[in-house]
Amino acid sequence: MEIGVDIVEISRIRAIYERFGAVFMRKILTEAEIDQCLSKPDPVASLAGRFAAKEAVSKALGSGIARSLSWRSIEVLNDDAGKPVVSLHCPDPPRRISISISHDRHSAIAMALVEPA
């Protein structure tokens, strides 16, 4: 098993979003993720949480965001109960990835646990 964690300042993500808007969202998120973020009371806080989650997953995989693993190849969606669920769109994905995301007014944090195949 491998773990990864990441924390981001929501104000940093908000500044990038205010500058680049939908272009930034489309670079980082899949269409389904964009839909879920835009359905939230504060879409930028949700975007920050997914940003942190993708960083945490990439750290747990040991690759970081690189050529073989792009922002959009990691998809973080919420199930019907609201639990975040990770899907990897890449060759030979791990058997299971568990994720936890939290945020307050200032920061978003995520932790990922990867179980190899």
C-alpha atoms as a PDB file:
ATOM      1  CA  MET A   1       0.000   0.000   0.000  1.00  0.00           C
ATOM      2  CA  GLU A   2       1.056   3.538  -0.691  1.00  0.00           C
ATOM      3  CA  ILE A   3      -0.324   6.822   0.638  1.00  0.00           C
ATOM      4  CA  GLY A   4      -0.316  10.366  -0.653  1.00  0.00           C
ATOM      5  CA  VAL A   5      -1.535  13.611   0.844  1.00  0.00           C
ATOM      6  CA  ASP A   6      -1.924  17.144  -0.465  1.00  0.00           C
ATOM      7  CA  ILE A   7      -3.198  20.445   0.878  1.00  0.00           C
ATOM      8  CA  VAL A   8      -3.969  23.583  -1.120  1.00  0.00           C
ATOM      9  CA  GLU A   9      -5.050  27.090  -0.218  1.00  0.00           C
ATOM     10  CA  ILE A  10      -8.508  27.708  -1.624  1.00  0.00           C
ATOM     11  CA  SER A  11      -7.596  31.358  -2.229  1.00  0.00           C
ATOM     12  CA  ARG A  12      -4.795  30.237  -4.583  1.00  0.00           C
ATOM     13  CA  ILE A  13      -7.183  28.052  -6.591  1.00  0.00           C
ATOM     14  CA  ARG A  14      -9.818  30.828  -6.541  1.00  0.00           C
ATOM     15  CA  ALA A  15      -7.288  33.343  -7.967  1.00  0.00           C
ATOM     16  CA  ILE A  16      -6.372  30.944 -10.785  1.00  0.00           C
ATOM     17  CA  TYR A  17     -10.048  30.238 -11.476  1.00  0.00           C
ATOM     18  CA  GLU A  18     -10.916  33.949 -11.529  1.00  0.00           C
ATOM     19  CA  ARG A  19      -8.085  34.570 -13.991  1.00  0.00           C
ATOM     20  CA  PHE A  20      -8.635  31.596 -16.335  1.00  0.00           C
ATOM     21  CA  GLY A  21     -12.193  30.407 -15.538  1.00  0.00           C
ATOM     22  CA  ALA A  22     -13.495  27.465 -17.533  1.00  0.00           C
ATOM     23  CA  VAL A  23     -10.123  26.981 -19.282  1.00  0.00           C
ATOM     24  CA  PHE A  24      -8.544  26.112 -15.930  1.00  0.00           C
ATOM     25  CA  MET A  25     -11.402  23.789 -14.984  1.00  0.00           C
ATOM     26  CA  ARG A  26     -11.181  21.938 -18.315  1.00  0.00           C
ATOM     27  CA  LYS A  27      -7.421  21.485 -17.881  1.00  0.00           C
ATOM     28  CA  ILE A  28      -7.818  19.896 -14.433  1.00  0.00           C
ATOM     29  CA  LEU A  29     -11.261  18.248 -14.466  1.00  0.00           C
ATOM     30  CA  THR A  30     -13.279  15.853 -16.591  1.00  0.00           C
ATOM     31  CA  GLU A  31     -16.715  16.963 -17.795  1.00  0.00           C
ATOM     32  CA  ALA A  32     -18.405  14.891 -15.077  1.00  0.00           C
ATOM     33  CA  GLU A  33     -16.204  16.502 -12.413  1.00  0.00           C
ATOM     34  CA  ILE A  34     -16.996  19.982 -13.761  1.00  0.00           C
ATOM     35  CA  ASP A  35     -20.721  19.210 -13.548  1.00  0.00           C
ATOM     36  CA  GLN A  36     -20.371  18.076  -9.920  1.00  0.00           C
ATOM     37  CA  CYS A  37     -18.278  21.135  -8.951  1.00  0.00           C
ATOM     38  CA  LEU A  38     -20.709  23.551 -10.573  1.00  0.00           C
ATOM     39  CA  SER A  39     -23.594  21.960  -8.650  1.00  0.00           C
ATOM     40  CA  LYS A  40     -21.992  22.885  -5.300  1.00  0.00           C
ATOM     41  CA  PRO A  41     -22.672  26.120  -3.367  1.00  0.00           C
ATOM     42  CA  ASP A  42     -18.970  27.067  -3.751  1.00  0.00           C
ATOM     43  CA  PRO A  43     -17.662  25.433  -6.927  1.00  0.00           C
ATOM     44  CA  VAL A  44     -14.107  26.668  -6.295  1.00  0.00           C
ATOM     45  CA  ALA A  45     -13.890  24.905  -2.904  1.00  0.00           C
ATOM     46  CA  SER A  46     -14.967  21.701  -4.657  1.00  0.00           C
ATOM     47  CA  LEU A  47     -12.416  22.327  -7.418  1.00  0.00           C
ATOM     48  CA  ALA A  48      -9.706  22.840  -4.776  1.00  0.00           C
ATOM     49  CA  GLY A  49     -10.655  19.553  -3.102  1.00  0.00           C
ATOM     50  CA  ARG A  50     -10.426  17.665  -6.388  1.00  0.00           C
ATOM     51  CA  PHE A  51      -7.120  19.374  -7.194  1.00  0.00           C
ATOM     52  CA  ALA A  52      -5.733  18.199  -3.827  1.00  0.00           C
ATOM     53  CA  ALA A  53      -7.206  14.719  -4.370  1.00  0.00           C
ATOM     54  CA  LYS A  54      -5.544  14.340  -7.769  1.00  0.00           C
ATOM     55  CA  GLU A  55      -2.211  15.486  -6.316  1.00  0.00           C
ATOM     56  CA  ALA A  56      -2.591  13.005  -3.426  1.00  0.00           C
ATOM     57  CA  VAL A  57      -3.373  10.138  -5.828  1.00  0.00           C
ATOM     58  CA  SER A  58      -0.405  11.002  -8.046  1.00  0.00           C
ATOM     59  CA  LYS A  59       1.881  11.059  -4.999  1.00  0.00           C
ATOM     60  CA  ALA A  60       0.580   7.696  -3.781  1.00  0.00           C
ATOM     61  CA  LEU A  61       1.230   6.270  -7.240  1.00  0.00           C
ATOM     62  CA  GLY A  62       4.767   7.649  -7.050  1.00  0.00           C
ATOM     63  CA  SER A  63       4.633   9.447 -10.366  1.00  0.00           C
ATOM     64  CA  GLY A  64       3.244  12.879  -9.708  1.00  0.00           C
ATOM     65  CA  ILE A  65       1.394  14.508 -12.566  1.00  0.00           C
ATOM     66  CA  ALA A  66       3.551  13.548 -15.538  1.00  0.00           C
ATOM     67  CA  ARG A  67       3.224  12.449 -19.160  1.00  0.00           C
ATOM     68  CA  SER A  68       1.883   9.023 -18.214  1.00  0.00           C
ATOM     69  CA  LEU A  69      -0.577  10.463 -15.679  1.00  0.00           C
ATOM     70  CA  SER A  70      -2.463  13.630 -16.576  1.00  0.00           C
ATOM     71  CA  TRP A  71      -4.878  15.689 -14.503  1.00  0.00           C
ATOM     72  CA  ARG A  72      -7.818  14.329 -16.474  1.00  0.00           C
ATOM     73  CA  SER A  73      -6.697  10.685 -16.241  1.00  0.00           C
ATOM     74  CA  ILE A  74      -7.542  10.855 -12.517  1.00  0.00           C
ATOM     75  CA  GLU A  75     -11.280  11.315 -12.038  1.00  0.00           C
ATOM     76  CA  VAL A  76     -12.785  12.102  -8.625  1.00  0.00           C
ATOM     77  CA  LEU A  77     -16.568  11.921  -8.454  1.00  0.00           C
ATOM     78  CA  ASN A  78     -19.006  11.614  -5.584  1.00  0.00           C
ATOM     79  CA  ASP A  79     -21.252   8.574  -5.263  1.00  0.00           C
ATOM     80  CA  ASP A  80     -24.939   8.879  -4.345  1.00  0.00           C
ATOM     81  CA  ALA A  81     -24.046   9.171  -0.646  1.00  0.00           C
ATOM     82  CA  GLY A  82     -21.511  11.949  -1.349  1.00  0.00           C
ATOM     83  CA  LYS A  83     -18.419   9.795  -0.833  1.00  0.00           C
ATOM     84  CA  PRO A  84     -15.551  10.659  -3.205  1.00  0.00           C
ATOM     85  CA  VAL A  85     -14.621   7.820  -5.556  1.00  0.00           C
ATOM     86  CA  VAL A  86     -11.496   7.729  -7.751  1.00  0.00           C
ATOM     87  CA  SER A  87     -11.268   6.255 -11.237  1.00  0.00           C
ATOM     88  CA  LEU A  88      -8.016   6.084 -13.170  1.00  0.00           C
ATOM     89  CA  HIS A  89      -8.143   6.293 -16.943  1.00  0.00           C
ATOM     90  CA  CYS A  90      -4.730   4.792 -17.713  1.00  0.00           C
ATOM     91  CA  PRO A  91      -3.160   1.415 -18.532  1.00  0.00           C
ATOM     92  CA  ASP A  92      -2.844  -1.031 -15.632  1.00  0.00           C
ATOM     93  CA  PRO A  93      -4.670   0.933 -12.934  1.00  0.00           C
ATOM     94  CA  PRO A  94      -4.163  -0.157  -9.299  1.00  0.00           C
ATOM     95  CA  ARG A  95      -6.659  -2.538  -7.776  1.00  0.00           C
ATOM     96  CA  ARG A  96      -8.188   0.053  -5.468  1.00  0.00           C
ATOM     97  CA  ILE A  97      -7.791   3.710  -4.555  1.00  0.00           C
ATOM     98  CA  SER A  98      -9.456   5.097  -1.458  1.00  0.00           C
ATOM     99  CA  ILE A  99      -9.667   8.838  -0.954  1.00  0.00           C
ATOM    100  CA  SER A 100     -10.768  11.317   1.673  1.00  0.00           C
ATOM    101  CA  ILE A 101     -11.245  15.029   0.974  1.00  0.00           C
ATOM    102  CA  SER A 102     -11.996  17.854   3.385  1.00  0.00           C
ATOM    103  CA  HIS A 103     -11.958  21.627   3.294  1.00  0.00           C
ATOM    104  CA  ASP A 104     -12.652  24.635   5.438  1.00  0.00           C
ATOM    105  CA  ARG A 105     -12.762  28.312   4.448  1.00  0.00           C
ATOM    106  CA  HIS A 106      -9.007  28.437   3.830  1.00  0.00           C
ATOM    107  CA  SER A 107      -7.677  25.056   2.738  1.00  0.00           C
ATOM    108  CA  ALA A 108      -8.600  21.827   1.008  1.00  0.00           C
ATOM    109  CA  ILE A 109      -6.841  18.597   1.931  1.00  0.00           C
ATOM    110  CA  ALA A 110      -6.959  15.100   0.499  1.00  0.00           C
ATOM    111  CA  MET A 111      -5.434  11.764   1.399  1.00  0.00           C
ATOM    112  CA  ALA A 112      -5.192   8.795  -0.966  1.00  0.00           C
ATOM    113  CA  LEU A 113      -4.482   5.148  -0.252  1.00  0.00           C
ATOM    114  CA  VAL A 114      -3.481   2.985  -3.215  1.00  0.00           C
ATOM    115  CA  GLU A 115      -3.566  -0.807  -3.134  1.00  0.00           C
ATOM    116  CA  PRO A 116      -1.540  -2.237  -6.032  1.00  0.00           C
ATOM    117  CA  ALA A 117      -3.000  -4.849  -8.374  1.00  0.00           C
END
